[in-house]
Protein backbone atom coordinates (compact mmCIF):
# COMPACT_ATOMS: atom_id res chain seq x y z
CA UNK A 1 1.24 113.06 23.63
CA UNK A 2 3.15 116.60 22.60
CA UNK A 3 5.38 116.09 25.29
CA UNK A 4 5.97 112.57 24.29
CA UNK A 5 6.85 113.37 20.49
CA UNK A 6 8.96 115.69 21.29
CA UNK A 7 10.35 113.84 23.16
CA UNK A 8 11.15 111.20 20.79
CA UNK A 9 12.77 114.13 18.41
CA UNK A 10 14.96 115.00 20.89
CA UNK A 11 15.97 111.85 21.23
CA UNK A 12 16.79 110.91 17.60
CA UNK A 13 18.28 114.03 17.01
CA UNK A 14 20.36 113.46 20.29
CA UNK A 15 21.47 109.85 18.39
CA UNK A 16 22.22 111.51 15.35
CA UNK A 17 24.36 113.95 16.70
CA UNK A 18 26.53 112.07 18.33
CA UNK A 19 26.72 109.77 15.60
CA UNK A 20 27.60 112.12 12.68
CA UNK A 21 30.90 113.15 14.34
CA UNK A 22 31.72 109.86 15.13
CA UNK A 23 31.69 108.86 11.63
CA UNK A 24 33.61 111.37 10.33
CA UNK A 25 36.22 111.14 13.53
CA UNK A 26 36.46 107.47 11.61
CA UNK A 27 37.07 108.77 7.95
CA UNK A 28 39.67 111.43 8.99
CA UNK A 29 41.64 108.28 10.43
CA UNK A 30 42.57 106.52 7.68
CA UNK A 31 45.01 103.33 7.69
CA UNK A 32 47.92 104.35 8.57
CA UNK A 33 49.47 103.01 5.09
CA UNK A 34 53.52 103.61 5.10
CA UNK A 35 54.64 102.35 0.87
CA UNK A 36 51.99 100.64 -1.33
CA UNK A 37 52.34 98.53 -4.81
CA UNK A 38 51.39 95.51 -6.90
CA UNK A 39 52.51 92.20 -7.31
CA UNK A 40 53.43 92.99 -11.12
CA UNK A 41 54.69 96.34 -13.08
CA UNK A 42 52.23 95.03 -16.59
CA UNK A 43 48.90 92.84 -16.85
CA UNK A 44 48.32 91.55 -20.12
CA UNK A 45 44.09 90.50 -21.81
CA UNK A 46 43.08 89.37 -24.83
CA UNK A 47 40.98 91.44 -26.68
CA UNK A 48 38.40 88.28 -27.02
CA UNK A 49 38.24 87.87 -23.15
CA UNK A 50 38.15 91.67 -22.60
CA UNK A 51 35.43 91.70 -24.76
CA UNK A 52 33.59 88.97 -23.79
CA UNK A 53 33.46 91.18 -20.26
CA UNK A 54 36.48 89.75 -17.93
CA UNK A 55 37.96 92.25 -16.00
CA UNK A 56 41.73 92.70 -15.01
CA UNK A 57 42.05 91.70 -11.59
CA UNK A 58 45.05 94.05 -9.63
CA UNK A 59 46.55 92.73 -6.27
CA UNK A 60 47.82 95.08 -4.32
CA UNK A 61 50.27 95.39 -1.10
CA UNK A 62 50.45 98.03 1.56
CA UNK A 63 53.14 97.98 4.68
CA UNK A 64 52.48 99.91 7.46
CA UNK A 65 55.73 102.40 9.61
CA UNK A 66 56.38 99.07 11.55
CA UNK A 67 56.98 97.43 7.93
CA UNK A 68 54.22 95.07 8.76
CA UNK A 69 52.29 93.73 5.76
CA UNK A 70 48.70 95.34 6.50
CA UNK A 71 45.04 93.88 5.55
CA UNK A 72 43.48 95.74 3.03
CA UNK A 73 40.20 94.23 2.80
CA UNK A 74 38.02 96.68 2.87
CA UNK A 75 40.08 99.48 1.80
CA UNK A 76 38.82 102.17 -0.96
CA UNK A 77 41.35 102.96 -3.89
CA UNK A 78 40.88 105.70 -6.57
CA UNK A 79 41.69 104.59 -10.33
CA UNK A 80 42.61 106.01 -12.75
CA UNK A 81 44.21 105.74 -16.37
CA UNK A 82 46.03 107.61 -19.53
CA UNK A 83 44.37 105.78 -21.67
CA UNK A 84 39.84 105.66 -21.26
CA UNK A 85 39.87 103.34 -24.17
CA UNK A 86 41.48 100.23 -22.57
CA UNK A 87 40.57 101.04 -19.05
CA UNK A 88 38.46 103.75 -18.12
CA UNK A 89 38.72 105.69 -14.98
CA UNK A 90 37.18 103.97 -12.60
CA UNK A 91 34.61 105.30 -9.77
CA UNK A 92 36.59 104.26 -6.35
CA UNK A 93 36.88 100.57 -5.91
CA UNK A 94 37.27 98.53 -3.00
CA UNK A 95 39.45 95.50 -2.08
CA UNK A 96 38.07 92.39 -2.12
CA UNK A 97 39.68 90.04 -0.70
CA UNK A 98 43.34 89.55 1.72
CA UNK A 99 45.12 89.32 4.60
CA UNK A 100 48.16 90.66 3.52
CA UNK A 101 47.45 91.32 -0.24
CA UNK A 102 43.91 93.43 -1.77
CA UNK A 103 42.82 92.59 -4.75
CA UNK A 104 41.05 95.52 -7.08
CA UNK A 105 38.77 93.73 -10.06
CA UNK A 106 39.87 96.77 -12.98
CA UNK A 107 37.25 96.45 -15.51
CA UNK A 108 38.68 96.97 -19.37
CA UNK A 109 37.46 98.28 -22.38
CA UNK A 110 37.56 96.60 -25.38
CA UNK A 111 39.82 98.34 -27.87
CA UNK A 112 43.57 97.28 -28.99
CA UNK A 113 46.13 99.60 -26.67
CA UNK A 114 48.25 99.96 -23.25
CA UNK A 115 47.09 102.18 -20.26
CA UNK A 116 49.17 103.65 -17.60
CA UNK A 117 47.16 103.07 -14.67
CA UNK A 118 47.45 104.41 -10.77
CA UNK A 119 45.88 103.30 -7.77
CA UNK A 120 45.97 105.64 -5.29
CA UNK A 121 44.86 105.45 -1.55
CA UNK A 122 45.14 107.23 1.50
CA UNK A 123 47.69 109.85 0.02
CA UNK A 124 49.98 106.84 -1.96
CA UNK A 125 50.48 105.88 -5.11
CA UNK A 126 50.84 102.72 -6.72
CA UNK A 127 51.39 102.22 -10.95
CA UNK A 128 50.99 99.65 -13.09
CA UNK A 129 50.38 98.70 -16.88
CA UNK A 130 47.20 97.38 -18.48
CA UNK A 131 47.39 96.04 -22.51
CA UNK A 132 44.24 94.52 -24.29
CA UNK A 133 46.62 92.71 -26.82
CA UNK A 134 45.44 90.37 -30.10
CA UNK A 135 44.87 87.12 -28.93
CA UNK A 136 47.36 84.53 -27.79
CA UNK A 137 46.39 81.34 -27.27
CA UNK A 138 47.75 78.67 -25.12
CA UNK A 139 49.22 75.45 -27.00
CA UNK A 140 50.41 72.89 -24.49
CA UNK A 141 51.60 73.36 -21.02
CA UNK A 142 53.29 71.80 -18.80
CA UNK A 143 54.21 71.06 -15.14
CA UNK A 144 56.98 73.06 -13.51
CA UNK A 145 59.14 70.41 -11.67
CA UNK A 146 58.74 66.89 -9.88
CA UNK A 147 58.15 67.24 -5.67
CA UNK A 148 59.00 64.60 -2.68
CA UNK A 149 57.16 64.32 0.13
CA UNK A 150 57.70 62.56 2.76
CA UNK A 151 54.90 60.27 4.06
CA UNK A 152 54.80 62.05 7.42
CA UNK A 153 53.03 64.65 9.93
CA UNK A 154 55.70 67.13 9.96
CA UNK A 155 56.20 69.61 7.93
CA UNK A 156 58.80 68.19 5.03
CA UNK A 157 54.40 66.29 4.12
CA UNK A 158 53.62 69.38 2.14
CA UNK A 159 54.72 70.43 -2.04
CA UNK A 160 53.28 72.75 -3.97
CA UNK A 161 53.20 71.75 -7.41
CA UNK A 162 53.18 74.41 -10.59
CA UNK A 163 52.78 74.70 -14.56
CA UNK A 164 53.73 76.33 -17.18
CA UNK A 165 51.31 77.65 -19.65
CA UNK A 166 53.15 78.13 -23.95
CA UNK A 167 53.53 80.65 -24.98
CA UNK A 168 54.61 82.62 -21.92
CA UNK A 169 52.89 85.76 -23.30
CA UNK A 170 49.48 84.07 -23.72
CA UNK A 171 46.52 86.51 -22.93
CA UNK A 172 43.60 83.82 -22.67
CA UNK A 173 42.63 83.77 -19.11
CA UNK A 174 42.56 79.72 -18.24
CA UNK A 175 41.28 77.87 -15.49
CA UNK A 176 43.84 75.03 -13.47
CA UNK A 177 42.35 72.18 -11.70
CA UNK A 178 44.79 69.30 -10.62
CA UNK A 179 43.60 65.64 -10.33
CA UNK A 180 42.12 65.11 -6.97
CA UNK A 181 42.01 61.47 -7.15
CA UNK A 182 45.73 60.97 -5.39
CA UNK A 183 44.52 61.14 -1.74
CA UNK A 184 46.40 63.71 -0.66
CA UNK A 185 45.82 66.28 -3.99
CA UNK A 186 44.05 69.45 -3.65
CA UNK A 187 42.37 70.72 -7.09
CA UNK A 188 44.88 73.81 -6.32
CA UNK A 189 48.26 71.60 -6.72
CA UNK A 190 48.82 71.16 -2.85
CA UNK A 191 49.51 67.84 -2.00
CA UNK A 192 50.02 66.93 1.27
CA UNK A 193 50.91 63.47 2.80
CA UNK A 194 50.62 61.82 5.97
CA UNK A 195 52.43 59.09 7.86
CA UNK A 196 49.83 56.72 6.48
CA UNK A 197 50.73 57.84 3.15
CA UNK A 198 52.73 55.08 0.95
CA UNK A 199 55.62 55.60 0.00
CA UNK A 200 56.16 55.68 -4.08
CA UNK A 201 56.02 57.48 -7.31
CA UNK A 202 52.87 59.14 -8.33
CA UNK A 203 51.23 60.85 -11.14
CA UNK A 204 50.19 64.72 -10.59
CA UNK A 205 47.99 66.01 -13.39
CA UNK A 206 46.64 69.30 -13.87
CA UNK A 207 43.97 70.18 -16.06
CA UNK A 208 43.81 73.51 -17.68
CA UNK A 209 40.44 75.33 -19.52
CA UNK A 210 39.50 77.67 -21.66
CA UNK A 211 37.70 79.30 -24.30
CA UNK A 212 39.09 77.98 -27.64
CA UNK A 213 39.81 80.40 -30.98
CA UNK A 214 36.60 78.72 -32.18
CA UNK A 215 34.47 79.96 -28.92
CA UNK A 216 34.06 77.14 -27.72
CA UNK A 217 35.39 75.35 -24.20
CA UNK A 218 39.13 74.12 -24.85
CA UNK A 219 41.89 71.82 -23.20
CA UNK A 220 45.42 71.35 -21.98
CA UNK A 221 47.06 69.17 -20.20
CA UNK A 222 50.13 67.36 -18.84
CA UNK A 223 51.98 65.15 -16.26
CA UNK A 224 54.18 65.80 -13.36
CA UNK A 225 55.69 63.50 -10.84
CA UNK A 226 55.04 63.44 -7.45
CA UNK A 227 57.41 61.03 -5.29
CA UNK A 228 56.79 60.03 -1.85
CA UNK A 229 59.40 58.91 0.69
CA UNK A 230 59.33 57.48 3.75
CA UNK A 231 60.06 59.24 6.77
CA UNK A 232 63.21 58.54 8.52
CA UNK A 233 62.72 60.88 11.67
CA UNK A 234 65.52 62.67 13.45
CA UNK A 235 66.48 61.62 16.32
CA UNK A 236 69.21 63.70 17.84
CA UNK A 237 70.16 67.01 16.89
CA UNK A 238 73.80 68.20 18.08
CA UNK A 239 74.76 72.25 18.26
CA UNK A 240 78.40 73.45 18.57
CA UNK A 241 79.55 74.11 22.22
CA UNK A 242 79.54 77.58 21.49
CA UNK A 243 80.00 80.60 19.34
CA UNK A 244 80.47 84.32 19.59
CA UNK A 245 78.75 87.03 17.89
CA UNK A 246 79.56 90.88 17.96
CA UNK A 247 77.90 93.56 19.47
CA UNK A 248 75.82 95.44 16.86
CA UNK A 249 75.83 92.93 14.62
CA UNK A 250 73.93 89.93 13.39
CA UNK A 251 75.16 86.34 12.80
CA UNK A 252 73.53 83.02 10.63
CA UNK A 253 71.72 80.68 13.13
CA UNK A 254 74.41 78.12 14.59
CA UNK A 255 75.07 74.77 12.18
CA UNK A 256 72.96 72.30 13.33
CA UNK A 257 73.87 68.28 13.03
CA UNK A 258 70.93 65.58 11.84
CA UNK A 259 71.04 61.98 13.41
CA UNK A 260 71.02 59.81 11.80
CA UNK A 261 72.53 61.56 8.96
CA UNK A 262 69.79 60.55 6.63
CA UNK A 263 67.13 62.64 8.76
CA UNK A 264 64.12 63.73 6.24
CA UNK A 265 61.16 64.11 8.42
CA UNK A 266 60.55 66.54 11.95
CA UNK A 267 63.95 68.55 10.68
CA UNK A 268 62.16 71.84 11.17
CA UNK A 269 63.48 73.41 13.93
CA UNK A 270 62.29 76.47 16.78
CA UNK A 271 65.45 78.91 17.98
CA UNK A 272 64.19 80.24 21.34
CA UNK A 273 67.10 82.09 23.89
CA UNK A 274 66.53 79.78 27.06
CA UNK A 275 64.70 81.39 30.04
CA UNK A 276 64.59 85.04 27.90
CA UNK A 277 63.81 87.75 29.81
CA UNK A 278 64.03 91.43 29.32
CA UNK A 279 67.77 91.50 30.76
CA UNK A 280 68.91 88.58 28.07
CA UNK A 281 67.94 91.20 25.34
CA UNK A 282 70.13 93.29 26.12
CA UNK A 283 72.55 90.91 25.70
CA UNK A 284 70.72 89.12 22.55
CA UNK A 285 68.09 88.58 20.43
CA UNK A 286 67.32 85.78 18.08
CA UNK A 287 64.28 85.72 15.23
CA UNK A 288 62.75 82.21 16.11
CA UNK A 289 62.20 81.29 12.91
CA UNK A 290 65.36 81.52 10.87
CA UNK A 291 67.81 81.53 13.84
CA UNK A 292 69.71 84.74 13.33
CA UNK A 293 71.15 86.20 16.20
CA UNK A 294 71.75 89.79 16.80
CA UNK A 295 74.19 90.83 19.85
CA UNK A 296 73.25 93.41 21.71
CA UNK A 297 75.42 93.99 24.27
CA UNK A 298 78.53 91.58 26.24
CA UNK A 299 77.58 88.78 27.74
CA UNK A 300 76.24 85.31 27.67
CA UNK A 301 73.27 83.87 26.47
CA UNK A 302 71.88 80.08 25.91
CA UNK A 303 70.07 79.03 22.81
CA UNK A 304 67.47 75.84 22.11
CA UNK A 305 67.17 74.21 19.29
CA UNK A 306 63.95 72.16 19.04
CA UNK A 307 62.59 70.20 16.45
CA UNK A 308 59.28 69.25 15.05
CA UNK A 309 59.09 65.98 16.76
CA UNK A 310 60.53 67.55 20.30
CA UNK A 311 64.58 66.84 19.58
CA UNK A 312 66.34 69.70 21.38
CA UNK A 313 70.42 70.96 21.85
CA UNK A 314 71.42 74.19 23.62
CA UNK A 315 74.45 76.41 22.59
CA UNK A 316 76.22 79.23 25.08
CA UNK A 317 76.27 82.32 22.92
CA UNK A 318 78.84 84.74 23.86
CA UNK A 319 78.39 88.63 22.80
CA UNK A 320 81.75 90.15 22.84
CA UNK A 321 82.02 94.09 21.73
CA UNK A 322 83.14 95.27 18.56
CA UNK A 323 86.71 96.04 17.52
CA UNK A 324 87.12 98.19 15.09
CA UNK A 325 89.43 97.56 11.75
CA UNK A 326 91.54 100.55 11.45
CA UNK A 327 92.55 99.82 7.97
CA UNK A 328 92.39 97.24 5.23
CA UNK A 329 94.36 96.90 2.55
CA UNK A 330 94.96 94.37 -0.38
CA UNK A 331 97.83 92.47 -2.06
CA UNK A 332 96.95 93.85 -5.70
CA UNK A 333 95.37 97.36 -6.80
CA UNK A 334 95.61 96.50 -10.51
CA UNK A 335 95.38 92.82 -11.66
CA UNK A 336 94.70 91.51 -14.93
CA UNK A 337 92.99 87.92 -15.84
CA UNK A 338 91.16 85.82 -18.41
CA UNK A 339 87.61 84.84 -18.94
CA UNK A 340 86.86 81.49 -16.85
CA UNK A 341 89.98 82.12 -14.48
CA UNK A 342 90.22 83.04 -11.33
CA UNK A 343 92.59 84.80 -8.41
CA UNK A 344 93.09 85.51 -5.14
CA UNK A 345 92.52 88.65 -3.70
CA UNK A 346 94.50 89.08 0.61
CA UNK A 347 93.05 91.43 2.73
CA UNK A 348 95.38 92.61 5.37
CA UNK A 349 93.49 93.93 8.38
CA UNK A 350 94.39 96.58 11.41
CA UNK A 351 94.20 95.56 13.98
CA UNK A 352 94.17 91.82 12.96
CA UNK A 353 92.04 91.09 15.69
CA UNK A 354 88.94 93.34 14.38
CA UNK A 355 85.63 91.65 14.65
CA UNK A 356 84.28 93.99 11.80
CA UNK A 357 82.03 92.06 9.00
CA UNK A 358 84.35 91.34 5.45
CA UNK A 359 81.86 92.35 3.00
CA UNK A 360 83.79 91.33 -0.87
CA UNK A 361 81.64 93.63 -3.79
CA UNK A 362 82.26 93.99 -7.67
CA UNK A 363 81.11 97.11 -9.27
CA UNK A 364 80.03 94.87 -12.43
CA UNK A 365 79.05 91.22 -11.76
CA UNK A 366 78.41 90.95 -15.97
CA UNK A 367 82.24 91.19 -15.97
CA UNK A 368 84.03 89.43 -13.30
CA UNK A 369 82.24 87.98 -9.71
CA UNK A 370 83.76 87.58 -6.45
CA UNK A 371 83.34 85.32 -3.51
CA UNK A 372 85.71 85.76 0.18
CA UNK A 373 87.95 87.06 -2.37
CA UNK A 374 88.19 84.71 -5.36
CA UNK A 375 87.48 86.71 -8.37
CA UNK A 376 86.78 85.09 -11.46
CA UNK A 377 86.60 86.54 -14.93
CA UNK A 378 82.80 86.47 -16.78
CA UNK A 379 84.29 88.88 -19.89
CA UNK A 380 85.96 90.83 -21.30
CA UNK A 381 86.07 94.19 -19.67
CA UNK A 382 86.61 96.38 -15.94
CA UNK A 383 85.81 95.69 -12.85
CA UNK A 384 86.46 96.99 -9.33
CA UNK A 385 86.81 94.47 -7.19
CA UNK A 386 85.98 95.90 -3.10
CA UNK A 387 86.28 94.81 0.39
CA UNK A 388 84.69 96.66 2.64
CA UNK A 389 86.06 95.67 7.07
CA UNK A 390 83.29 97.91 8.96
CA UNK A 391 83.74 101.22 7.26
CA UNK A 392 87.77 100.47 5.46
CA UNK A 393 87.48 99.67 2.94
CA UNK A 394 90.49 98.82 -0.09
CA UNK A 395 90.31 98.28 -4.13
CA UNK A 396 91.51 96.84 -6.81
CA UNK A 397 90.64 97.04 -10.41
CA UNK A 398 90.43 94.13 -12.04
CA UNK A 399 91.09 93.73 -15.96
CA UNK A 400 89.47 90.88 -17.67
CA UNK A 401 90.36 89.81 -21.01
CA UNK A 402 89.55 86.65 -23.38
CA UNK A 403 90.99 83.54 -23.08
CA UNK A 404 93.74 83.97 -25.36
CA UNK A 405 93.38 81.63 -28.37
CA UNK A 406 95.24 77.79 -28.34
CA UNK A 407 98.34 77.92 -30.51
CA UNK A 408 98.04 74.53 -33.33
CA UNK A 409 100.95 72.05 -32.46
CA UNK A 410 103.58 71.97 -34.07
CA UNK A 411 104.62 68.22 -35.38
CA UNK A 412 107.53 66.37 -33.64
CA UNK A 413 110.29 66.10 -35.59
CA UNK A 414 113.25 63.19 -35.95
CA UNK A 415 116.32 63.87 -34.22
CA UNK A 416 118.16 62.09 -35.65
CA UNK A 417 116.80 63.02 -39.24
CA UNK A 418 115.62 66.22 -39.17
CA UNK A 419 112.24 65.01 -41.00
CA UNK A 420 108.49 65.22 -39.51
CA UNK A 421 108.31 61.71 -37.73
CA UNK A 422 104.22 62.12 -39.22
CA UNK A 423 106.53 61.48 -42.93
CA UNK A 424 107.34 57.88 -40.73
CA UNK A 425 103.93 56.87 -41.34
CA UNK A 426 103.24 56.75 -45.17
């Protein structure tokens, strides 16, 4: 019997001995977070809500070394505050949920004031501010904008309604519920049509509920417009025959022409490189959603665009070697410009067949803006306009002046008598 008990104890010890190092190993290998941030620079809550036990929910987002969002559910955060009356230092809090974000519920105090709050995890920190302020109750609500959806099963079938509360600094928690009596409308404001949805105008109603000044339930409501239109499916699409992309540069998706021109359904495109292999990746790659093409090395690939309705076309993409600019000059080193007027700067590039990207910029968009060399005066002041071609740059200093006042017109005179023509009217 003693041997049996000893053997059992030994087995338990061995299990514990194996398990404990494994637990510590896991603890010393935390989630590899490269960046950490919160979704708002500050959060506000009314004192009555704080007194009633409302908390503040901070939404944290993190990315890994590859720049992709990380799931934070279960990650533990240490929360510290510089104002204990507003936000007491919290013990380690755990993210409640989130695919690409984590919700951290922070208990607040009941004293008016502001606290700078830091959340920390895995050696990284993010800061925000939480304020308990005098109650600002909502007085009205409006639906942000009307929406148009297509009676289809494609991506154009969906719209998300939003509401706006006045005043904008209200800090009383509200619960928004959208009227789901309209077929296809969800209580969160998302409307989804089908190819059987009848075309027409519908009401998108939202109701806000909250605790009023008197401590009793209060409501506000608003109505927006939902337009459902008949689907006109894409029948064919066409792309240009070919396009050039410079190795080492990115190019926007090829221009798609839809037939019929008024098509409104099934227009979402998926982009691929035909028969993609490791060899084609040495020539070009493509973003399957946006169609952005990245030139890698000299050669050609075929890009295929396919709609949601399985309509497709092809384009040949030629990746050419970079021809570097060795010099760029502008036709003006300095220029004067009136407010609301424009001037065009001309860039001369050497060699003229350079395929380096041409980029225009302004030192102060509040003074002057620039697009493709066309400068527009915004307000009086001085701004430097820069054109960059590859690694070469040229600049023009633009002085913007207030528009000259319009001189009052002088009365015309009778060429025979010299009298003002106005005199003949009396």
